[in-house]
Protein backbone atom coordinates (compact mmCIF):
# COMPACT_ATOMS: atom_id res chain seq x y z
CA MET A 1 -3.27 -8.15 -15.62
CA PRO A 2 -0.67 -6.98 -18.20
CA ALA A 3 2.90 -6.66 -17.00
CA TRP A 4 2.99 -2.89 -17.43
CA MET A 5 -0.25 -2.48 -15.38
CA ALA A 6 1.20 -4.71 -12.63
CA VAL A 7 4.26 -2.40 -12.34
CA LEU A 8 2.00 0.69 -12.12
CA THR A 9 -0.06 -1.08 -9.38
CA LEU A 10 3.12 -1.71 -7.32
CA LEU A 11 4.00 2.04 -7.58
CA ASN A 12 0.67 3.09 -6.34
CA PRO A 13 0.69 3.61 -2.55
CA LEU A 14 -3.02 3.02 -2.31
CA THR A 15 -2.22 -0.62 -3.13
CA TYR A 16 -0.36 -1.01 0.06
CA ALA A 17 -2.95 0.72 2.13
CA VAL A 18 -5.64 -1.57 0.85
CA ASP A 19 -3.40 -4.60 1.39
CA ILE A 20 -3.16 -3.53 5.12
CA MET A 21 -6.93 -3.09 5.41
CA ARG A 22 -7.51 -6.55 3.91
CA ARG A 23 -5.10 -8.20 6.31
CA THR A 24 -6.81 -6.51 9.19
CA VAL A 25 -10.23 -7.71 8.12
CA VAL A 26 -9.07 -11.28 7.56
CA ALA A 27 -7.26 -11.22 10.86
CA PHE A 28 -10.60 -10.98 12.62
CA ARG A 29 -12.17 -13.82 10.69
CA PRO A 30 -11.20 -16.97 12.64
CA GLY A 31 -10.51 -20.18 10.71
CA GLU A 32 -10.18 -18.56 7.33
CA SER A 33 -6.89 -17.86 5.43
CA SER A 34 -6.22 -14.55 3.71
CA GLN A 35 -5.48 -16.52 0.45
CA SER A 36 -9.18 -17.35 0.12
CA PHE A 37 -10.14 -13.65 0.00
CA PHE A 38 -7.31 -11.84 -1.93
CA ASP A 39 -3.85 -12.13 -3.38
CA PRO A 40 -1.36 -10.21 -1.19
CA VAL A 41 1.07 -7.75 -2.60
CA THR A 42 4.23 -9.43 -3.68
CA TRP A 43 7.69 -8.35 -4.79
CA ALA A 44 9.62 -10.95 -6.80
CA GLY A 45 7.25 -13.59 -5.59
CA ARG A 46 7.66 -12.76 -1.88
CA GLN A 47 4.80 -11.35 0.22
CA VAL A 48 5.37 -7.76 1.28
CA PRO A 49 5.36 -7.55 5.18
CA ALA A 50 2.64 -5.49 6.71
CA ALA A 51 5.18 -3.24 8.33
CA LEU A 52 6.79 -2.41 5.03
CA SER A 53 3.32 -1.71 3.48
CA ALA A 54 2.63 0.66 6.31
CA ALA A 55 6.03 2.33 5.88
CA VAL A 56 5.34 2.84 2.12
CA VAL A 57 2.00 4.57 2.95
CA VAL A 58 3.50 6.68 5.73
CA VAL A 59 6.48 7.80 3.61
CA PHE A 60 4.22 8.72 0.71
CA CYS A 61 1.95 10.80 2.94
CA ALA A 62 4.93 12.60 4.58
CA VAL A 63 6.54 13.46 1.12
CA THR A 64 3.29 14.62 -0.41
CA LEU A 65 2.38 16.63 2.77
CA THR A 66 5.86 18.31 2.66
CA VAL A 67 5.48 19.27 -1.05
CA ALA A 68 2.00 20.59 -0.32
CA VAL A 69 3.09 22.65 2.64
CA ARG A 70 6.01 24.24 0.77
CA ARG A 71 3.96 24.92 -2.35
CA PHE A 72 1.05 26.54 -0.59
CA SER A 73 3.00 28.43 2.09
CA ARG A 74 4.62 30.80 -0.50
CA ALA A 75 3.10 34.18 -0.81
CA ASP A 76 2.69 35.11 -4.52
């Protein structure tokens, strides 16, 4: 993948949600490592912890929900 596309991928919160789902599926397959199914999300060569991936998704949802509530609660 080109470098510019890799940066965009890391900015997309859906990347982190999919990473959490993949880890969950692999956790219920005994005897197989996650490396055989997918490449985990990494920052500077280090794997992003699952809790941090979940935090990214939760923060993104909270921010977008707040923006939506404020935008649509106004009476025009």
